[in-house]
Amino acid sequence: MTVAPSSLHISSDFDSGNIQVLDASNPLQVKLAIRPDTKSPHFQWFHFKADGLTPGHTHHFQLSNAGQSSYNKAWDGYQAVASYDQENWFRVPSEFDGTSLNVHLAAEQPQAWFAYFEPYSRERHDQLIKNALQWSGCQLLATGKSAEGRDIQLLRKGNGASHKRKIWIIAQQHPGEHMAEWFMEGIFERLEQGSDPQMRKLLDFADLYLIPNMNPDGAFHGHLRTNANGQDLNRAWQNTSPQISPEVFFALEQMTHYGVDLFLDIHGDEEIPYVFTAGCEGNPGYTPRLATLDERFRSHLSGLTKDFQTTHGYTRDEPGQANMTLACNSVGQRFDCLSLTLEMPFKDNDDAPNPQTGWDGKRSKQLAKDVLTTLSAMVKELR
């Protein structure tokens, strides 16, 4: 017996939700649009729920304004993610026709969630902080406030002894880059392993200063790039403002108080299907010492895992040509330290593809654990 498709309800009124319904009169052919960030023209992140799917039928979702998005070339080769339970996410057939991103699901259940990447919820963030304090041996060092008053937690693993190196890792300045907080979950998971000899070595010589989510407002509202004021936080590090970019103001205030010997800023890249780092080689204060540390980090990590490589990435800045509003460049210059942006893909790692999941939260977490191994290997060299 053939079951006729029922009416379909599309919703995004939840944490990190983002979609506009243009026409859902045909439940098998739904026309949608991505909503721009608040007070900003940026858009690319989407996250919505479809209720009323008909198992056995293929439903088609047209994201009609994808061609006008912030990184419209990034849709080529991209596959959206979907889930029936918000726990297990998988890639679904998607193609970009130059105007729209067309997403297809052969429905197995009557409801499903769709997103640009496996979402990291605020509820999970709250549990992450709780676990970090209870199981990872971290302390809550300070709490800043976002533009809308949400907490921005700075945690420290270590005792703050003056002889120790200060390693900073921050994540999700760009709120749509949810792989960044999955990465941070991997950091805390490894810190739970008290018998880990590499972690003991690292923590003998360094304290870790960790901000798991720099932009909770943007993440909650389903933004791609900006905070609630429409400010791209990773363009606010030269002249930060407690009114416009309180998130960066808080982080810099804490860095100035405690010091920085190594800085990692965790991101996701829409276009490039690889994991890579970008350094601060364009800074006026970039020295051979920093270049050696940069190469040491990259070569060690690429030797550890096939999920990191050094061939593909951004074009390196010419000497003196760095954009000093970026966190990586600003922190590297201010503290004369190794300072890197680490980028993970929204698509997949083409060096080790997984067609079912693409790059996902699990791989982001494992990458974080490998990064800690690299930091352990080079901690004595930081100064």
Protein backbone atom coordinates (compact mmCIF):
# COMPACT_ATOMS: atom_id res chain seq x y z
CA MET A 1 0.00 0.00 0.00
CA THR A 2 1.33 3.43 -0.93
CA VAL A 3 1.25 5.98 1.88
CA ALA A 4 0.53 9.52 0.72
CA PRO A 5 2.88 12.20 2.10
CA SER A 6 1.39 14.12 5.01
CA SER A 7 1.79 17.80 5.76
CA LEU A 8 5.28 18.82 6.83
CA HIS A 9 6.22 21.19 9.65
CA ILE A 10 9.62 22.91 9.62
CA SER A 11 10.90 24.51 12.84
CA SER A 12 14.10 26.18 14.03
CA ASP A 13 12.97 27.77 17.29
CA PHE A 14 15.64 26.07 19.37
CA ASP A 15 19.30 26.36 20.35
CA SER A 16 21.39 27.15 17.21
CA GLY A 17 18.31 26.89 14.99
CA ASN A 18 18.34 28.83 11.72
CA ILE A 19 15.97 28.56 8.77
CA GLN A 20 13.17 30.46 7.07
CA VAL A 21 10.30 28.58 5.43
CA LEU A 22 9.37 30.01 2.03
CA ASP A 23 7.05 27.26 0.77
CA ALA A 24 6.22 23.94 2.44
CA SER A 25 2.93 23.32 0.64
CA ASN A 26 4.44 20.28 -1.08
CA PRO A 27 5.94 18.10 1.68
CA LEU A 28 8.27 16.42 -0.81
CA GLN A 29 9.61 19.69 -2.25
CA VAL A 30 10.26 22.29 0.46
CA LYS A 31 11.68 25.72 -0.29
CA LEU A 32 13.75 27.31 2.49
CA ALA A 33 16.19 30.15 3.08
CA ILE A 34 19.02 30.66 5.57
CA ARG A 35 18.56 33.61 7.94
CA PRO A 36 21.45 36.12 8.19
CA ASP A 37 23.28 36.77 11.45
CA THR A 38 21.74 39.47 13.64
CA LYS A 39 22.97 42.94 12.57
CA SER A 40 25.21 41.34 9.94
CA PRO A 41 24.88 40.18 6.32
CA HIS A 42 26.78 36.93 7.04
CA PHE A 43 24.97 33.63 6.66
CA GLN A 44 25.82 30.00 5.98
CA TRP A 45 24.92 28.04 9.12
CA PHE A 46 21.55 26.29 9.06
CA HIS A 47 19.85 23.99 11.55
CA PHE A 48 16.21 22.94 11.40
CA LYS A 49 13.80 20.14 12.26
CA ALA A 50 11.35 18.53 9.84
CA ASP A 51 8.24 16.91 11.36
CA GLY A 52 5.83 14.86 9.26
CA LEU A 53 8.30 13.07 7.00
CA THR A 54 6.87 10.04 5.22
CA PRO A 55 9.07 6.95 5.62
CA GLY A 56 9.75 5.40 2.26
CA HIS A 57 9.58 8.74 0.44
CA THR A 58 12.46 11.03 -0.48
CA HIS A 59 12.03 14.60 0.73
CA HIS A 60 13.84 17.44 -1.02
CA PHE A 61 14.84 20.66 0.75
CA GLN A 62 15.94 23.63 -1.33
CA LEU A 63 18.05 26.23 0.50
CA SER A 64 17.23 28.84 -2.07
CA ASN A 65 19.64 31.62 -1.06
CA ALA A 66 22.76 29.46 -0.68
CA GLY A 67 24.30 31.15 -3.71
CA GLN A 68 24.25 34.48 -1.84
CA SER A 69 25.85 33.11 1.34
CA SER A 70 29.12 34.30 2.84
CA TYR A 71 31.13 31.46 1.28
CA ASN A 72 29.06 30.35 -1.67
CA LYS A 73 31.95 28.47 -3.29
CA ALA A 74 32.04 26.25 -0.21
CA TRP A 75 28.82 24.48 -1.23
CA ASP A 76 30.64 22.66 -4.04
CA GLY A 77 31.41 19.16 -2.78
CA TYR A 78 29.50 19.75 0.46
CA GLN A 79 27.02 17.25 1.94
CA ALA A 80 24.59 18.37 4.66
CA VAL A 81 24.23 16.42 7.91
CA ALA A 82 21.03 14.92 9.29
CA SER A 83 19.96 12.99 12.36
CA TYR A 84 16.88 11.18 13.60
CA ASP A 85 17.84 11.46 17.27
CA GLN A 86 20.24 14.46 17.54
CA GLU A 87 22.95 12.02 18.62
CA ASN A 88 23.92 10.15 15.47
CA TRP A 89 24.55 12.47 12.53
CA PHE A 90 25.17 11.34 8.98
CA ARG A 91 25.75 12.98 5.62
CA VAL A 92 22.87 13.16 3.14
CA PRO A 93 23.00 13.70 -0.64
CA SER A 94 23.32 17.41 -1.41
CA GLU A 95 24.23 19.39 -4.50
CA PHE A 96 24.71 23.05 -5.28
CA ASP A 97 23.31 24.29 -8.59
CA GLY A 98 24.90 27.73 -8.40
CA THR A 99 21.84 29.27 -6.76
CA SER A 100 20.43 26.78 -4.26
CA LEU A 101 21.74 23.98 -2.08
CA ASN A 102 19.47 20.99 -2.65
CA VAL A 103 19.37 18.49 0.21
CA HIS A 104 17.70 15.08 -0.09
CA LEU A 105 16.61 12.59 2.56
CA ALA A 106 15.11 9.16 1.92
CA ALA A 107 13.08 9.25 5.12
CA GLU A 108 13.21 6.33 7.53
CA GLN A 109 11.43 8.07 10.41
CA PRO A 110 8.77 10.82 10.60
CA GLN A 111 11.08 13.47 12.02
CA ALA A 112 14.67 14.49 11.36
CA TRP A 113 17.06 17.33 12.08
CA PHE A 114 19.31 18.91 9.45
CA ALA A 115 22.35 21.12 9.99
CA TYR A 116 25.44 22.58 8.37
CA PHE A 117 27.57 20.56 10.80
CA GLU A 118 26.93 18.34 13.82
CA PRO A 119 25.67 20.92 16.36
CA TYR A 120 27.19 21.42 19.79
CA SER A 121 24.34 22.50 22.06
CA ARG A 122 24.41 24.89 25.00
CA GLU A 123 23.06 22.07 27.14
CA ARG A 124 26.06 19.95 26.19
CA HIS A 125 28.33 22.93 26.86
CA ASP A 126 26.94 23.25 30.38
CA GLN A 127 27.57 19.55 30.98
CA LEU A 128 31.08 19.94 29.57
CA ILE A 129 31.88 22.64 32.13
CA LYS A 130 30.45 20.51 34.93
CA ASN A 131 32.49 17.49 33.86
CA ALA A 132 35.65 19.58 33.45
CA LEU A 133 35.36 20.76 37.04
CA GLN A 134 34.39 17.37 38.44
CA TRP A 135 36.44 14.90 36.41
CA SER A 136 39.18 16.75 34.51
CA GLY A 137 40.64 18.49 37.55
CA CYS A 138 40.09 21.96 36.14
CA GLN A 139 39.22 25.06 38.09
CA LEU A 140 36.91 27.84 37.01
CA LEU A 141 39.35 30.72 36.92
CA ALA A 142 37.06 33.51 35.71
CA THR A 143 33.70 34.02 34.04
CA GLY A 144 33.10 36.73 31.48
CA LYS A 145 29.81 37.84 30.02
CA SER A 146 28.74 37.90 26.40
CA ALA A 147 26.91 40.84 24.83
CA GLU A 148 23.61 39.28 25.94
CA GLY A 149 24.89 38.22 29.35
CA ARG A 150 25.70 34.56 28.76
CA ASP A 151 28.62 33.06 30.68
CA ILE A 152 32.03 32.70 29.05
CA GLN A 153 34.03 30.35 31.24
CA LEU A 154 37.82 30.39 31.51
CA LEU A 155 39.08 27.15 33.03
CA ARG A 156 42.61 26.28 34.08
CA LYS A 157 44.21 22.88 34.34
CA GLY A 158 47.22 23.36 36.60
CA ASN A 159 48.26 25.15 39.76
CA GLY A 160 49.33 28.51 38.37
CA ALA A 161 52.96 28.16 39.49
CA SER A 162 55.10 31.00 38.18
CA HIS A 163 57.64 28.75 36.43
CA LYS A 164 55.02 27.02 34.29
CA ARG A 165 54.32 27.83 30.65
CA LYS A 166 50.89 29.25 29.92
CA ILE A 167 49.14 27.45 27.05
CA TRP A 168 45.88 29.03 25.89
CA ILE A 169 43.25 27.29 23.76
CA ILE A 170 40.07 29.13 22.80
CA ALA A 171 37.25 27.96 20.54
CA GLN A 172 34.19 28.99 18.55
CA GLN A 173 34.85 32.69 18.08
CA HIS A 174 32.83 32.09 14.92
CA PRO A 175 29.66 30.57 16.35
CA GLY A 176 28.72 28.43 13.35
CA GLU A 177 31.99 26.51 13.67
CA HIS A 178 30.65 23.88 16.05
CA MET A 179 33.54 21.51 15.41
CA ALA A 180 35.58 23.88 17.59
CA GLU A 181 33.73 23.03 20.78
CA TRP A 182 33.72 19.34 19.88
CA PHE A 183 37.51 19.79 19.78
CA MET A 184 37.43 21.29 23.28
CA GLU A 185 35.44 18.33 24.55
CA GLY A 186 38.30 16.15 23.33
CA ILE A 187 40.75 18.28 25.33
CA PHE A 188 38.79 17.79 28.55
CA GLU A 189 38.27 14.08 27.91
CA ARG A 190 41.99 13.48 27.70
CA LEU A 191 42.61 15.56 30.81
CA GLU A 192 40.43 13.07 32.70
CA GLN A 193 43.09 10.38 32.16
CA GLY A 194 45.16 10.80 35.31
CA SER A 195 47.58 7.99 34.39
CA ASP A 196 48.44 9.46 30.97
CA PRO A 197 52.26 9.92 30.96
CA GLN A 198 52.20 12.48 28.15
CA MET A 199 49.67 14.60 30.02
CA ARG A 200 51.71 14.33 33.21
CA LYS A 201 54.74 15.62 31.32
CA LEU A 202 52.75 18.45 29.76
CA LEU A 203 51.25 19.50 33.08
CA ASP A 204 54.59 19.31 34.88
CA PHE A 205 55.78 22.17 32.69
CA ALA A 206 52.61 24.03 31.68
CA ASP A 207 49.16 25.12 32.75
CA LEU A 208 46.31 25.01 30.26
CA TYR A 209 43.98 28.02 30.01
CA LEU A 210 40.81 26.97 28.19
CA ILE A 211 37.79 28.90 26.87
CA PRO A 212 35.48 26.30 25.29
CA ASN A 213 33.05 28.77 23.68
CA MET A 214 33.94 32.39 22.99
CA ASN A 215 30.63 33.27 21.34
CA PRO A 216 27.65 31.72 23.17
CA ASP A 217 25.19 34.34 21.89
CA GLY A 218 26.01 33.72 18.25
CA ALA A 219 25.93 29.95 18.75
CA PHE A 220 22.51 30.09 20.43
CA HIS A 221 21.03 32.32 17.72
CA GLY A 222 22.30 30.16 14.85
CA HIS A 223 24.84 32.69 13.56
CA LEU A 224 27.72 31.89 11.26
CA ARG A 225 30.30 34.60 12.08
CA THR A 226 29.19 37.20 14.60
CA ASN A 227 28.12 37.90 18.16
CA ALA A 228 24.77 39.45 19.12
CA ASN A 229 26.09 42.90 18.13
CA GLY A 230 26.98 41.81 14.61
CA GLN A 231 30.71 41.85 15.43
CA ASP A 232 33.04 39.21 13.99
CA LEU A 233 35.04 38.43 17.13
CA ASN A 234 38.05 37.30 15.12
CA ARG A 235 38.30 40.80 13.68
CA ALA A 236 38.14 42.54 17.06
CA TRP A 237 41.50 41.81 18.69
CA GLN A 238 43.30 45.05 17.88
CA ASN A 239 40.75 47.53 19.20
CA THR A 240 38.39 45.45 21.30
CA SER A 241 35.48 47.09 23.09
CA PRO A 242 33.59 45.99 26.22
CA GLN A 243 30.42 47.28 24.58
CA ILE A 244 30.75 45.76 21.09
CA SER A 245 33.00 42.74 21.68
CA PRO A 246 32.93 42.01 25.44
CA GLU A 247 33.88 38.40 24.72
CA VAL A 248 37.28 39.37 23.28
CA PHE A 249 37.74 42.10 25.89
CA PHE A 250 37.36 39.47 28.63
CA ALA A 251 39.78 37.01 27.00
CA LEU A 252 42.46 39.65 26.44
CA GLU A 253 42.09 40.96 29.97
CA GLN A 254 42.71 37.46 31.33
CA MET A 255 45.63 36.83 28.97
CA THR A 256 47.27 40.05 30.06
CA HIS A 257 46.83 39.07 33.70
CA TYR A 258 48.19 35.51 33.43
CA GLY A 259 50.49 35.69 30.39
CA VAL A 260 50.65 33.55 27.24
CA ASP A 261 53.42 31.23 26.02
CA LEU A 262 51.42 29.44 23.32
CA PHE A 263 48.04 30.28 21.80
CA LEU A 264 45.71 28.06 19.76
CA ASP A 265 42.53 29.49 18.25
CA ILE A 266 40.21 26.67 17.12
CA HIS A 267 38.07 27.19 14.00
CA GLY A 268 36.32 25.51 11.09
CA ASP A 269 36.80 26.33 7.41
CA GLU A 270 33.89 26.23 4.98
CA GLU A 271 35.83 25.66 1.75
CA ILE A 272 39.02 23.66 2.34
CA PRO A 273 38.50 19.89 2.90
CA TYR A 274 41.55 19.42 5.12
CA VAL A 275 42.77 20.16 8.64
CA PHE A 276 45.54 22.77 8.75
CA THR A 277 47.02 25.62 10.75
CA ALA A 278 47.58 29.27 9.90
CA GLY A 279 50.40 31.09 11.68
CA CYS A 280 51.40 34.69 12.30
CA GLU A 281 54.34 34.83 9.89
CA GLY A 282 53.14 38.22 8.64
CA ASN A 283 53.59 39.85 12.05
CA PRO A 284 56.28 42.52 12.41
CA GLY A 285 57.56 40.63 15.47
CA TYR A 286 57.76 37.20 13.83
CA THR A 287 61.22 35.76 14.47
CA PRO A 288 63.20 32.65 13.49
CA ARG A 289 62.45 31.27 16.96
CA LEU A 290 58.71 31.45 16.29
CA ALA A 291 59.15 30.03 12.80
CA THR A 292 61.00 27.04 14.27
CA LEU A 293 58.24 26.45 16.82
CA ASP A 294 55.58 26.73 14.10
CA GLU A 295 57.35 24.11 11.99
CA ARG A 296 57.90 21.89 15.02
CA PHE A 297 54.18 21.90 15.83
CA ARG A 298 53.10 21.20 12.27
CA SER A 299 55.64 18.46 11.59
CA HIS A 300 54.99 16.66 14.87
CA LEU A 301 51.20 16.71 14.52
CA SER A 302 51.27 15.63 10.87
CA GLY A 303 53.47 12.70 11.91
CA LEU A 304 50.92 11.65 14.54
CA THR A 305 47.71 11.60 12.53
CA LYS A 306 46.48 11.43 8.95
CA ASP A 307 43.86 13.99 9.98
CA PHE A 308 46.44 16.80 9.89
CA GLN A 309 48.54 17.90 6.93
CA THR A 310 50.79 20.77 5.87
CA THR A 311 50.20 20.95 2.09
CA HIS A 312 46.79 22.62 1.89
CA GLY A 313 45.70 25.77 3.71
CA TYR A 314 45.68 29.54 3.48
CA THR A 315 48.23 31.56 1.54
CA ARG A 316 50.94 32.63 3.96
CA ASP A 317 51.19 36.35 4.73
CA GLU A 318 54.18 38.29 3.50
CA PRO A 319 56.39 39.76 6.25
CA GLY A 320 54.73 42.79 7.83
CA GLN A 321 51.41 42.18 6.04
CA ALA A 322 49.45 40.43 8.82
CA ASN A 323 45.90 41.47 9.63
CA MET A 324 46.40 42.45 13.26
CA THR A 325 42.69 42.31 14.09
CA LEU A 326 42.85 38.48 14.04
CA ALA A 327 43.37 36.70 17.34
CA CYS A 328 46.28 34.61 16.08
CA ASN A 329 48.25 37.63 14.88
CA SER A 330 47.32 39.96 17.72
CA VAL A 331 48.14 37.49 20.49
CA GLY A 332 51.33 36.31 18.79
CA GLN A 333 52.58 39.88 18.46
CA ARG A 334 51.52 41.01 21.93
CA PHE A 335 53.01 38.05 23.81
CA ASP A 336 55.88 37.10 21.46
CA CYS A 337 54.67 33.50 21.44
CA LEU A 338 53.81 30.67 19.08
CA SER A 339 50.29 31.55 17.96
CA LEU A 340 48.24 29.43 15.56
CA THR A 341 44.77 29.21 14.12
CA LEU A 342 43.74 25.57 13.73
CA GLU A 343 41.12 24.97 11.04
CA MET A 344 38.93 21.88 10.61
CA PRO A 345 36.65 21.25 7.62
CA PHE A 346 32.88 21.52 7.37
CA LYS A 347 33.13 18.96 4.57
CA ASP A 348 35.52 16.04 5.07
CA ASN A 349 39.23 15.41 5.25
CA ASP A 350 40.03 14.49 1.67
CA ASP A 351 43.20 12.71 2.85
CA ALA A 352 41.08 10.28 4.91
CA PRO A 353 37.46 10.59 3.78
CA ASN A 354 34.50 9.08 5.58
CA PRO A 355 31.50 9.33 3.20
CA GLN A 356 29.02 8.42 5.92
CA THR A 357 29.91 11.16 8.41
CA GLY A 358 32.44 13.44 6.75
CA TRP A 359 34.38 15.43 9.30
CA ASP A 360 32.39 15.26 12.55
CA GLY A 361 32.45 15.79 16.28
CA LYS A 362 34.18 12.48 17.02
CA ARG A 363 37.09 13.25 14.71
CA SER A 364 37.33 16.78 16.11
CA LYS A 365 37.71 15.32 19.60
CA GLN A 366 40.40 12.88 18.53
CA LEU A 367 42.32 15.66 16.81
CA ALA A 368 42.32 17.58 20.10
CA LYS A 369 43.83 14.61 21.90
CA ASP A 370 46.56 14.39 19.26
CA VAL A 371 47.24 18.11 19.61
CA LEU A 372 47.84 17.58 23.34
CA THR A 373 50.43 14.93 22.47
CA THR A 374 52.22 17.45 20.26
CA LEU A 375 52.10 20.09 22.99
CA SER A 376 53.58 17.61 25.44
CA ALA A 377 56.44 16.89 23.05
CA MET A 378 57.39 20.56 22.62
CA VAL A 379 56.37 22.20 25.90
CA LYS A 380 59.97 22.69 27.06
CA GLU A 381 60.81 24.55 23.85
CA LEU A 382 58.18 27.29 24.11
CA ARG A 383 60.51 29.82 25.78
